[in-house]
């Protein structure tokens, strides 16, 4: 499609479908149309700025877009207007990206349902009444419902990969520090990483190249002879049999394609202890980031968010330092995995999307947080639909600096398992 055709396609779909999904919170379609027409002129002149010139982007509400609200899904920041673009948005604009608007998220990025008290609930495009995941739930839903080419999210302990898995999208968290966090209203300065969601891995590759300023040329991504460690949490409690069976079947297909499979549990990583350490760090750092706003407008935060920040702020220094030391030890131990393996394959979450109102599983981030602690690139790749019609996914996790390898193998798996479809009810 041409840039203006892309814009008209997504603007039309937003008008038809987003009333039911509630992915977008703030649109800028007039400005976006102007940007699309400028991109069209560049293409017609044979001078596009980049491969993404004219692509339509949605942006998570914690990433600043000049002139739009910048609130991270927190009611207390509702009236804050971003005076400047975040650095990642500046990079995208310089390459011709068309920004459609801001999408919903879990309050302050501290949660994984996107059932937001201040800004409303985002529906999973595959099943009404089900969570899209989070915290980047609006981003995953926008891609799944074909309301943009690419959506930006942020990932603290899985918040790009979990919505990608629940909604049927492809998503990648790059290694720590590759995408600048300047202009992001963070949950955790230690753990947050901005990453893209898209329908195709090729789109992730193109977007991530701009976001990081690095080139990720497509390679073969051959599975034959590749050393792949399977991390499936064998025997752990809380694993949905649907996810376990689908993951085992996917691993079998990867082996049949020639990969040499091994098995790991990440050294030093303990589900409960590691989960608590990551959450404590997030709560401590969130309490520091939001201290001034909390003092000024406590009612602008939900009771749960206030409770979590207060809990983090009240922890003894020794307990906090122990949490930081734990994630440092997990990072230090991760190198040993990749001395013997090229990649790790794991579930994204121990369950598929679940209904709003159901108990929220404590284990949602158990398979994703390791990559945040260790600073590793990790992609969520669609593998099909369950018998209940909900998306299934797996993770491709690589060593530090191996974004290109992760993308190559993710693209190979996309050819093996297929590109995520648009939900049937949203195909008009």
Protein backbone atom coordinates (compact mmCIF):
# COMPACT_ATOMS: atom_id res chain seq x y z
CA UNK A 1 0.00 0.00 0.00
CA UNK A 2 1.02 3.60 -0.53
CA UNK A 3 1.39 5.79 2.58
CA UNK A 4 -1.98 7.47 2.07
CA UNK A 5 -3.64 4.09 1.42
CA UNK A 6 -2.13 2.80 4.65
CA UNK A 7 -3.43 5.79 6.57
CA UNK A 8 -6.93 5.51 5.10
CA UNK A 9 -6.99 1.76 5.74
CA UNK A 10 -6.10 2.09 9.42
CA UNK A 11 -8.23 5.19 10.01
CA UNK A 12 -11.20 3.30 8.58
CA UNK A 13 -10.57 0.25 10.69
CA UNK A 14 -10.18 2.37 13.83
CA UNK A 15 -13.54 3.98 13.10
CA UNK A 16 -15.22 0.60 12.55
CA UNK A 17 -13.65 -1.50 15.29
CA UNK A 18 -11.94 0.44 18.05
CA UNK A 19 -15.17 1.43 19.76
CA UNK A 20 -15.49 -2.21 20.82
CA UNK A 21 -11.80 -2.87 21.50
CA UNK A 22 -10.75 0.43 23.12
CA UNK A 23 -7.10 0.20 22.15
CA UNK A 24 -6.67 3.92 21.40
CA UNK A 25 -7.02 6.64 24.02
CA UNK A 26 -5.94 9.70 22.01
CA UNK A 27 -5.92 9.97 18.21
CA UNK A 28 -4.21 12.58 15.99
CA UNK A 29 -5.65 11.56 12.63
CA UNK A 30 -5.58 15.02 11.02
CA UNK A 31 -1.86 15.38 11.72
CA UNK A 32 -1.29 11.76 10.72
CA UNK A 33 -2.98 12.32 7.37
CA UNK A 34 -0.67 15.27 6.73
CA UNK A 35 2.32 13.10 7.60
CA UNK A 36 1.07 10.33 5.31
CA UNK A 37 0.67 12.76 2.41
CA UNK A 38 4.22 14.02 2.95
CA UNK A 39 5.45 10.42 2.92
CA UNK A 40 3.49 9.78 -0.28
CA UNK A 41 5.18 12.74 -1.94
CA UNK A 42 8.59 11.43 -0.97
CA UNK A 43 7.79 7.99 -2.37
CA UNK A 44 6.48 9.48 -5.61
CA UNK A 45 9.69 11.48 -5.92
CA UNK A 46 11.70 8.31 -5.39
CA UNK A 47 13.15 9.65 -2.15
CA UNK A 48 11.65 7.73 0.78
CA UNK A 49 13.42 8.39 4.07
CA UNK A 50 13.62 4.73 5.04
CA UNK A 51 11.82 1.38 4.65
CA UNK A 52 9.27 2.53 7.28
CA UNK A 53 8.51 5.87 5.59
CA UNK A 54 4.70 6.13 5.65
CA UNK A 55 4.09 3.25 8.07
CA UNK A 56 1.43 3.88 10.70
CA UNK A 57 2.43 3.57 14.37
CA UNK A 58 0.51 3.40 17.64
CA UNK A 59 2.34 4.42 20.82
CA UNK A 60 1.92 3.19 24.37
CA UNK A 61 0.70 5.92 26.73
CA UNK A 62 3.94 6.05 28.73
CA UNK A 63 5.99 7.13 25.68
CA UNK A 64 5.91 10.87 24.99
CA UNK A 65 4.41 12.11 21.71
CA UNK A 66 4.60 15.88 21.44
CA UNK A 67 1.21 17.52 21.89
CA UNK A 68 -0.55 14.41 23.20
CA UNK A 69 -1.33 13.39 26.79
CA UNK A 70 1.57 11.62 28.49
CA UNK A 71 0.11 9.82 31.47
CA UNK A 72 1.22 6.16 31.48
CA UNK A 73 -2.37 5.15 32.18
CA UNK A 74 -2.35 6.99 35.52
CA UNK A 75 -5.26 9.33 36.23
CA UNK A 76 -3.06 11.78 38.17
CA UNK A 77 -1.18 12.59 34.93
CA UNK A 78 -4.33 12.83 32.79
CA UNK A 79 -3.80 16.51 31.92
CA UNK A 80 -0.04 16.32 31.30
CA UNK A 81 0.75 17.12 27.66
CA UNK A 82 4.10 16.00 26.30
CA UNK A 83 6.15 19.10 25.37
CA UNK A 84 8.53 17.04 23.24
CA UNK A 85 8.73 13.64 21.63
CA UNK A 86 10.51 10.80 23.37
CA UNK A 87 13.85 10.03 21.74
CA UNK A 88 12.50 6.82 20.19
CA UNK A 89 9.64 8.82 18.62
CA UNK A 90 12.14 11.37 17.24
CA UNK A 91 14.04 8.52 15.61
CA UNK A 92 10.87 7.11 14.07
CA UNK A 93 9.67 10.48 12.79
CA UNK A 94 13.07 11.16 11.23
CA UNK A 95 12.54 8.01 9.18
CA UNK A 96 9.00 8.92 8.11
CA UNK A 97 6.82 7.14 10.66
CA UNK A 98 3.19 8.30 10.81
CA UNK A 99 1.97 8.48 14.42
CA UNK A 100 -1.75 7.64 14.67
CA UNK A 101 -2.15 8.09 18.41
CA UNK A 102 -1.69 6.85 21.95
CA UNK A 103 -2.93 3.44 23.10
CA UNK A 104 -4.10 2.15 26.46
CA UNK A 105 -1.98 0.32 29.03
CA UNK A 106 -2.14 -1.11 32.52
CA UNK A 107 -1.92 1.67 35.10
CA UNK A 108 1.69 2.79 35.44
CA UNK A 109 2.81 -0.41 33.63
CA UNK A 110 2.47 -2.26 36.95
CA UNK A 111 0.27 -5.16 35.91
CA UNK A 112 -0.65 -7.34 32.96
CA UNK A 113 -4.40 -7.07 32.26
CA UNK A 114 -4.93 -3.52 30.87
CA UNK A 115 -8.07 -3.23 32.94
CA UNK A 116 -7.45 0.42 33.69
CA UNK A 117 -9.53 2.15 36.36
CA UNK A 118 -8.88 5.66 34.98
CA UNK A 119 -8.89 5.01 31.22
CA UNK A 120 -11.02 1.92 30.73
CA UNK A 121 -10.59 -1.69 29.75
CA UNK A 122 -9.02 -2.82 26.47
CA UNK A 123 -10.61 -5.97 25.04
CA UNK A 124 -8.70 -8.86 23.55
CA UNK A 125 -9.58 -8.78 19.82
CA UNK A 126 -9.93 -12.56 19.81
CA UNK A 127 -12.53 -12.77 22.56
CA UNK A 128 -14.65 -10.07 24.15
CA UNK A 129 -14.38 -10.04 27.91
CA UNK A 130 -10.83 -11.40 27.86
CA UNK A 131 -7.67 -9.52 28.74
CA UNK A 132 -5.21 -8.49 26.02
CA UNK A 133 -2.43 -8.86 28.59
CA UNK A 134 -0.23 -6.02 29.69
CA UNK A 135 1.09 -3.78 30.55
CA UNK A 136 1.20 -2.94 26.81
CA UNK A 137 -2.30 -4.33 26.23
CA UNK A 138 -3.44 -1.51 23.96
CA UNK A 139 -0.38 -2.05 21.79
CA UNK A 140 -0.94 -5.78 21.40
CA UNK A 141 -4.64 -5.27 20.72
CA UNK A 142 -4.01 -2.54 18.14
CA UNK A 143 -1.71 -4.80 16.12
CA UNK A 144 -3.95 -7.87 16.48
CA UNK A 145 -7.00 -5.94 15.28
CA UNK A 146 -5.05 -4.39 12.37
CA UNK A 147 -5.37 -0.83 13.67
CA UNK A 148 -1.74 0.07 12.86
CA UNK A 149 1.38 -1.34 11.21
CA UNK A 150 3.49 -1.29 14.38
CA UNK A 151 2.74 -0.47 18.01
CA UNK A 152 5.34 0.55 20.56
CA UNK A 153 5.23 -0.97 24.01
CA UNK A 154 7.53 -1.17 26.99
CA UNK A 155 8.68 -4.33 28.72
CA UNK A 156 9.61 -4.49 32.43
CA UNK A 157 9.07 -8.19 33.11
CA UNK A 158 7.26 -9.24 29.93
CA UNK A 159 4.99 -6.35 29.00
CA UNK A 160 5.67 -6.48 25.25
CA UNK A 161 5.78 -10.25 24.93
CA UNK A 162 2.73 -11.11 27.07
CA UNK A 163 0.27 -8.92 25.09
CA UNK A 164 1.80 -10.23 21.86
CA UNK A 165 1.14 -13.78 23.05
CA UNK A 166 -2.38 -13.14 24.34
CA UNK A 167 -3.46 -11.10 21.30
CA UNK A 168 -1.77 -13.01 18.47
CA UNK A 169 0.98 -10.61 17.43
CA UNK A 170 4.73 -10.78 17.03
CA UNK A 171 6.75 -8.72 19.49
CA UNK A 172 10.33 -8.22 20.59
CA UNK A 173 12.06 -6.88 23.65
CA UNK A 174 15.57 -5.89 22.56
CA UNK A 175 18.55 -6.14 24.85
CA UNK A 176 18.84 -3.65 27.69
CA UNK A 177 19.93 -0.15 26.71
CA UNK A 178 19.56 -0.45 22.94
CA UNK A 179 16.43 1.72 22.73
CA UNK A 180 16.72 5.00 24.65
CA UNK A 181 14.25 5.48 27.50
CA UNK A 182 14.43 9.28 27.34
CA UNK A 183 10.85 10.56 27.33
CA UNK A 184 9.37 7.33 28.74
CA UNK A 185 7.40 7.64 31.99
CA UNK A 186 9.03 4.57 33.48
CA UNK A 187 7.90 1.91 35.90
CA UNK A 188 11.47 0.74 36.54
CA UNK A 189 14.60 2.48 35.28
CA UNK A 190 16.44 -0.77 35.95
CA UNK A 191 14.20 -3.14 33.98
CA UNK A 192 12.21 -1.13 31.39
CA UNK A 193 12.93 -1.60 27.69
CA UNK A 194 10.90 -0.17 24.78
CA UNK A 195 10.04 -2.67 22.03
CA UNK A 196 7.71 -3.05 19.03
CA UNK A 197 4.70 -5.23 18.26
CA UNK A 198 3.74 -6.04 14.65
CA UNK A 199 1.92 -8.66 12.61
CA UNK A 200 5.08 -9.83 10.81
CA UNK A 201 8.63 -10.32 12.04
CA UNK A 202 9.92 -8.39 9.01
CA UNK A 203 8.08 -5.35 10.37
CA UNK A 204 9.66 -5.85 13.80
CA UNK A 205 13.06 -5.96 12.10
CA UNK A 206 12.49 -2.72 10.18
CA UNK A 207 11.07 -0.86 13.18
CA UNK A 208 13.73 -2.08 15.60
CA UNK A 209 16.51 -1.02 13.24
CA UNK A 210 15.22 2.56 13.41
CA UNK A 211 14.55 2.43 17.15
CA UNK A 212 18.04 1.21 18.02
CA UNK A 213 19.99 2.86 15.21
CA UNK A 214 21.47 -0.54 14.33
CA UNK A 215 21.10 -2.64 11.19
CA UNK A 216 19.52 -6.08 11.41
CA UNK A 217 19.80 -7.45 7.86
CA UNK A 218 17.76 -10.58 7.27
CA UNK A 219 19.77 -13.79 7.53
CA UNK A 220 18.82 -17.37 6.79
CA UNK A 221 17.69 -18.21 10.33
CA UNK A 222 18.25 -21.88 9.55
CA UNK A 223 17.14 -24.29 12.25
CA UNK A 224 19.22 -27.19 10.95
CA UNK A 225 22.06 -27.76 13.41
CA UNK A 226 21.03 -24.85 15.65
CA UNK A 227 21.54 -25.62 19.35
CA UNK A 228 18.22 -24.80 20.99
CA UNK A 229 17.63 -25.13 24.72
CA UNK A 230 14.05 -25.92 25.69
CA UNK A 231 12.85 -24.20 28.86
CA UNK A 232 9.37 -25.48 29.52
CA UNK A 233 9.15 -25.41 33.31
CA UNK A 234 8.56 -29.15 33.32
CA UNK A 235 6.72 -30.23 36.42
CA UNK A 236 6.04 -26.70 37.71
CA UNK A 237 2.66 -25.87 39.21
CA UNK A 238 0.23 -23.58 37.42
CA UNK A 239 1.06 -24.56 33.84
CA UNK A 240 -2.07 -24.62 31.66
CA UNK A 241 -2.14 -28.01 29.89
CA UNK A 242 -3.24 -26.25 26.69
CA UNK A 243 -0.07 -24.15 26.72
CA UNK A 244 2.15 -27.05 27.74
CA UNK A 245 0.84 -29.31 24.97
CA UNK A 246 1.05 -26.58 22.32
CA UNK A 247 4.59 -25.71 23.34
CA UNK A 248 5.68 -29.36 23.25
CA UNK A 249 4.17 -29.72 19.77
CA UNK A 250 5.96 -26.56 18.59
CA UNK A 251 9.26 -27.82 20.00
CA UNK A 252 8.73 -31.08 18.12
CA UNK A 253 8.31 -29.20 14.86
CA UNK A 254 11.47 -27.18 15.57
CA UNK A 255 13.37 -30.42 16.17
CA UNK A 256 11.94 -31.92 12.97
CA UNK A 257 13.35 -28.90 11.10
CA UNK A 258 16.82 -29.91 12.23
CA UNK A 259 17.42 -28.05 15.49
CA UNK A 260 19.44 -29.88 18.12
CA UNK A 261 17.37 -29.66 21.28
CA UNK A 262 18.64 -29.54 24.83
CA UNK A 263 16.88 -28.63 28.04
CA UNK A 264 17.57 -25.95 30.67
CA UNK A 265 16.29 -24.18 33.72
CA UNK A 266 18.00 -20.75 33.78
CA UNK A 267 20.73 -20.91 36.44
CA UNK A 268 20.01 -18.89 39.55
CA UNK A 269 16.49 -18.03 38.38
CA UNK A 270 13.77 -19.19 40.78
CA UNK A 271 10.16 -18.53 39.78
CA UNK A 272 8.81 -17.26 43.09
CA UNK A 273 11.96 -15.59 44.40
CA UNK A 274 12.79 -13.99 41.06
CA UNK A 275 9.21 -12.78 40.55
CA UNK A 276 9.20 -11.16 43.99
CA UNK A 277 12.59 -9.53 43.37
CA UNK A 278 11.46 -8.00 40.08
CA UNK A 279 8.19 -6.76 41.53
CA UNK A 280 9.94 -5.26 44.55
CA UNK A 281 12.39 -3.37 42.34
CA UNK A 282 9.48 -2.12 40.22
CA UNK A 283 7.48 -1.01 43.25
CA UNK A 284 10.47 0.72 44.86
CA UNK A 285 11.42 2.56 41.70
CA UNK A 286 7.80 3.46 40.89
CA UNK A 287 7.40 4.95 44.37
CA UNK A 288 10.42 7.18 43.68
CA UNK A 289 9.35 8.14 40.15
CA UNK A 290 5.80 9.10 41.22
CA UNK A 291 6.54 10.50 44.70
CA UNK A 292 5.82 14.14 43.84
CA UNK A 293 2.63 13.41 41.91
CA UNK A 294 1.45 11.01 44.61
CA UNK A 295 1.90 13.70 47.27
CA UNK A 296 0.06 16.24 45.10
CA UNK A 297 -2.82 14.03 43.94
CA UNK A 298 -3.07 10.67 45.71
CA UNK A 299 -6.62 10.09 44.46
CA UNK A 300 -5.27 10.18 40.91
CA UNK A 301 -3.80 6.72 41.52
CA UNK A 302 -5.86 3.59 42.09
CA UNK A 303 -5.92 2.16 45.60
CA UNK A 304 -4.00 -0.89 44.41
CA UNK A 305 -1.27 1.18 42.77
CA UNK A 306 -0.93 3.30 45.91
CA UNK A 307 -0.74 0.16 48.01
CA UNK A 308 1.99 -1.37 45.84
CA UNK A 309 4.08 1.82 45.87
CA UNK A 310 3.66 2.20 49.63
CA UNK A 311 4.73 -1.39 50.16
CA UNK A 312 7.85 -0.87 48.04
CA UNK A 313 8.72 2.41 49.74
CA UNK A 314 8.47 0.80 53.19
CA UNK A 315 10.81 -2.12 52.49
CA UNK A 316 14.03 -2.26 54.53
CA UNK A 317 17.20 -1.34 52.65
CA UNK A 318 18.61 -4.83 53.15
CA UNK A 319 15.57 -6.41 51.49
CA UNK A 320 15.77 -4.02 48.55
CA UNK A 321 19.50 -4.59 48.08
CA UNK A 322 18.90 -8.35 48.19
CA UNK A 323 16.44 -8.00 45.30
CA UNK A 324 18.96 -6.05 43.21
CA UNK A 325 21.68 -8.56 44.08
CA UNK A 326 19.41 -11.40 42.99
CA UNK A 327 18.84 -9.99 39.51
CA UNK A 328 22.56 -9.20 39.18
CA UNK A 329 23.32 -12.82 39.99
CA UNK A 330 20.77 -14.02 37.42
CA UNK A 331 22.38 -11.79 34.79
CA UNK A 332 25.86 -13.06 35.64
CA UNK A 333 24.76 -16.69 35.36
CA UNK A 334 22.98 -16.29 32.00
CA UNK A 335 26.20 -16.34 30.02
CA UNK A 336 26.77 -19.99 30.89
CA UNK A 337 23.55 -20.94 29.11
CA UNK A 338 24.71 -19.48 25.82
CA UNK A 339 28.16 -20.96 26.07
CA UNK A 340 26.47 -24.28 25.30
CA UNK A 341 23.35 -23.15 23.39
CA UNK A 342 22.61 -20.77 20.51
CA UNK A 343 19.10 -19.87 21.65
CA UNK A 344 16.51 -20.66 24.29
CA UNK A 345 12.89 -21.47 23.39
CA UNK A 346 10.26 -21.07 26.12
CA UNK A 347 6.56 -20.37 26.56
CA UNK A 348 5.70 -16.69 26.87
CA UNK A 349 3.27 -17.30 29.73
CA UNK A 350 1.93 -20.33 31.55
CA UNK A 351 -1.59 -19.60 30.25
CA UNK A 352 -3.45 -18.08 27.32
CA UNK A 353 -5.57 -14.94 27.69
CA UNK A 354 -8.14 -15.23 30.48
CA UNK A 355 -11.40 -13.47 31.33
CA UNK A 356 -11.55 -10.16 33.10
CA UNK A 357 -12.73 -10.84 36.62
CA UNK A 358 -10.93 -14.19 36.83
CA UNK A 359 -8.09 -14.46 39.34
CA UNK A 360 -4.96 -12.94 37.82
CA UNK A 361 -2.25 -15.61 37.69
CA UNK A 362 0.81 -14.75 39.76
CA UNK A 363 2.87 -16.63 37.19
CA UNK A 364 2.21 -14.40 34.17
CA UNK A 365 5.80 -13.13 33.98
CA UNK A 366 7.60 -16.25 35.16
CA UNK A 367 8.95 -17.13 31.71
CA UNK A 368 9.55 -13.56 30.56
CA UNK A 369 11.29 -11.82 33.47
CA UNK A 370 14.54 -13.77 33.00
CA UNK A 371 15.32 -11.85 29.79
CA UNK A 372 14.74 -8.52 31.59
CA UNK A 373 16.96 -9.45 34.51
CA UNK A 374 19.74 -10.68 32.21
CA UNK A 375 19.37 -7.92 29.57
CA UNK A 376 18.68 -10.43 26.77
CA UNK A 377 16.79 -9.99 23.48
CA UNK A 378 13.56 -12.00 23.45
CA UNK A 379 10.77 -12.27 20.89
CA UNK A 380 7.22 -13.61 21.16
CA UNK A 381 6.26 -15.62 18.07
CA UNK A 382 2.72 -16.75 17.20
CA UNK A 383 2.35 -20.53 16.89
CA UNK A 384 -1.38 -20.94 16.25
CA UNK A 385 -4.77 -20.93 17.94
CA UNK A 386 -6.04 -23.10 20.75
CA UNK A 387 -9.22 -25.16 20.48
CA UNK A 388 -10.88 -22.26 22.32
CA UNK A 389 -9.80 -19.89 19.54
CA UNK A 390 -7.18 -18.06 21.63
CA UNK A 391 -3.67 -17.26 20.35
CA UNK A 392 -0.68 -19.42 21.29
CA UNK A 393 2.91 -18.24 21.30
CA UNK A 394 6.47 -19.09 22.21
CA UNK A 395 9.57 -17.08 23.11
CA UNK A 396 12.88 -16.98 21.27
CA UNK A 397 15.58 -15.76 23.68
CA UNK A 398 19.14 -15.03 22.60
CA UNK A 399 22.40 -13.98 24.21
CA UNK A 400 23.31 -10.32 24.63
CA UNK A 401 23.80 -8.61 21.28
CA UNK A 402 22.01 -11.34 19.32
CA UNK A 403 18.94 -9.35 18.21
CA UNK A 404 19.67 -10.27 14.57
CA UNK A 405 19.80 -13.98 15.40
CA UNK A 406 16.58 -13.78 17.40
CA UNK A 407 14.84 -11.98 14.53
CA UNK A 408 16.15 -14.45 11.95
CA UNK A 409 14.93 -17.48 13.88
CA UNK A 410 11.63 -15.76 14.72
CA UNK A 411 11.12 -15.17 11.00
CA UNK A 412 11.87 -18.83 10.26
CA UNK A 413 9.34 -19.85 12.90
CA UNK A 414 6.81 -17.45 11.39
CA UNK A 415 7.18 -19.34 8.10
CA UNK A 416 6.77 -22.61 10.00
CA UNK A 417 3.71 -21.62 12.06
CA UNK A 418 2.17 -18.88 9.91
CA UNK A 419 1.58 -15.17 10.24
CA UNK A 420 -0.97 -14.24 12.91
CA UNK A 421 -4.37 -13.73 11.25
CA UNK A 422 -6.77 -10.91 11.94
CA UNK A 423 -9.65 -12.24 14.08
CA UNK A 424 -12.51 -13.30 11.84
CA UNK A 425 -14.98 -10.89 13.43
CA UNK A 426 -12.69 -7.98 12.56
CA UNK A 427 -11.86 -8.84 8.95
CA UNK A 428 -14.32 -6.47 7.32
